[in-house]
Amino acid sequence: MDLTIYDIILGPVISDKAYKLNKSLKKLFLRVHADANKKLVQNALEKLFNVKVKDVNIQNRKGKTRVVRRKTFNRSDEKRAIVTLAEGYSLDLFEQVRTDVPVKEATKG
């Protein structure tokens, strides 16, 4: 299967741990295509975002089984890439996620 650079990276993983590691260690957590390898992920990031990649680690995550009203459902398996950027480069994916939604202020009551 021929993958283009646009097919390899599916999107960022949005979680508290991913946010903290992005701010402190400049690591990115990305969901990637199931057939992608380290070299493909590195080349895709460098071409798409003009950054220098230091290291890429890949995780294959098995989908969890959930039970809802006595029926079992399986979540999809996914492949994640943890990317460390080189010194002097940064890519903040969390600033680009839905900043147009107003935040409700807490009310006393």
Protein backbone atom coordinates (compact mmCIF):
# COMPACT_ATOMS: atom_id res chain seq x y z
CA MET A 1 0.00 0.00 0.00
CA ASP A 2 1.40 3.37 -0.99
CA LEU A 3 0.94 5.98 1.72
CA THR A 4 1.29 9.69 1.09
CA ILE A 5 2.47 12.06 3.81
CA TYR A 6 -1.14 13.12 4.29
CA ASP A 7 -2.29 9.54 4.95
CA ILE A 8 0.33 8.74 7.59
CA ILE A 9 -0.58 11.22 10.33
CA LEU A 10 -4.22 10.90 11.39
CA GLY A 11 -4.23 13.49 14.18
CA PRO A 12 -2.95 14.43 17.61
CA VAL A 13 -3.74 12.57 20.82
CA ILE A 14 -5.45 15.05 23.14
CA SER A 15 -4.88 14.15 26.79
CA ASP A 16 -3.41 15.68 29.94
CA LYS A 17 -0.27 13.57 29.70
CA ALA A 18 0.28 14.51 26.06
CA TYR A 19 -0.18 18.20 26.89
CA LYS A 20 2.33 18.10 29.76
CA LEU A 21 4.97 16.24 27.74
CA ASN A 22 4.48 18.65 24.85
CA LYS A 23 5.14 21.66 27.07
CA SER A 24 8.04 20.26 29.09
CA LEU A 25 9.91 17.85 26.79
CA LYS A 26 8.64 18.92 23.32
CA LYS A 27 7.16 15.50 22.62
CA LEU A 28 4.18 15.01 20.32
CA PHE A 29 1.63 12.21 20.66
CA LEU A 30 0.11 11.42 17.27
CA ARG A 31 -2.31 8.83 15.93
CA VAL A 32 -0.79 7.31 12.80
CA HIS A 33 -1.83 4.88 10.07
CA ALA A 34 -1.61 1.20 10.97
CA ASP A 35 0.94 0.53 8.21
CA ALA A 36 3.22 3.46 9.11
CA ASN A 37 6.70 2.91 10.50
CA LYS A 38 9.18 5.21 12.25
CA LYS A 39 10.86 6.43 9.09
CA LEU A 40 7.56 7.24 7.36
CA VAL A 41 6.32 9.20 10.39
CA GLN A 42 9.59 11.14 10.60
CA ASN A 43 9.57 12.04 6.90
CA ALA A 44 5.90 13.07 6.98
CA LEU A 45 6.37 15.40 9.97
CA GLU A 46 9.48 17.01 8.53
CA LYS A 47 7.78 17.70 5.19
CA LEU A 48 4.39 18.80 6.53
CA PHE A 49 5.44 21.06 9.41
CA ASN A 50 9.06 21.99 8.54
CA VAL A 51 10.47 20.70 11.83
CA LYS A 52 13.48 18.51 12.60
CA VAL A 53 12.63 15.20 14.30
CA LYS A 54 15.10 13.76 16.80
CA ASP A 55 13.40 10.47 17.72
CA VAL A 56 10.22 8.50 16.97
CA ASN A 57 8.73 5.77 19.15
CA ILE A 58 5.76 3.67 18.01
CA GLN A 59 3.05 2.08 20.18
CA ASN A 60 0.47 -0.46 19.01
CA ARG A 61 -2.53 -0.14 21.31
CA LYS A 62 -5.11 -2.88 21.53
CA GLY A 63 -8.73 -1.69 21.56
CA LYS A 64 -10.58 -2.05 24.84
CA THR A 65 -13.71 -4.14 25.33
CA ARG A 66 -16.70 -2.27 26.76
CA VAL A 67 -19.97 -3.65 28.07
CA VAL A 68 -23.09 -1.52 27.58
CA ARG A 69 -26.50 -2.94 28.55
CA ARG A 70 -25.28 -6.54 28.45
CA LYS A 71 -23.73 -6.12 25.01
CA THR A 72 -20.00 -6.11 24.41
CA PHE A 73 -18.34 -3.68 22.05
CA ASN A 74 -14.71 -3.52 21.00
CA ARG A 75 -12.96 -0.23 20.37
CA SER A 76 -10.66 -0.05 17.40
CA ASP A 77 -6.97 -0.85 17.67
CA GLU A 78 -4.73 2.13 17.06
CA LYS A 79 -1.12 2.93 16.42
CA ARG A 80 0.46 5.93 18.14
CA ALA A 81 3.73 7.70 17.54
CA ILE A 82 5.59 9.59 20.25
CA VAL A 83 7.81 12.08 18.47
CA THR A 84 10.67 14.01 20.07
CA LEU A 85 11.59 17.20 18.23
CA ALA A 86 15.15 18.41 17.83
CA GLU A 87 16.52 21.31 19.88
CA GLY A 88 15.24 24.66 18.69
CA TYR A 89 12.06 23.30 17.05
CA SER A 90 8.55 23.34 18.47
CA LEU A 91 5.11 22.42 17.23
CA ASP A 92 2.20 23.28 19.50
CA LEU A 93 -0.83 21.31 18.35
CA PHE A 94 -2.89 22.24 21.41
CA GLU A 95 -3.19 25.91 20.48
CA GLN A 96 -4.80 24.92 17.19
CA VAL A 97 -7.63 22.93 18.79
CA ARG A 98 -11.01 24.75 19.00
CA THR A 99 -10.07 28.09 20.52
CA ASP A 100 -13.25 29.70 19.18
CA VAL A 101 -15.51 28.09 21.81
CA PRO A 102 -16.25 30.48 24.70
CA VAL A 103 -15.46 29.22 28.18
CA LYS A 104 -18.19 29.57 30.80
CA GLU A 105 -17.09 31.35 33.92
CA ALA A 106 -17.76 29.76 37.28
CA THR A 107 -20.60 31.38 39.19
CA LYS A 108 -20.92 31.62 42.92
CA GLY A 109 -24.01 30.15 44.30
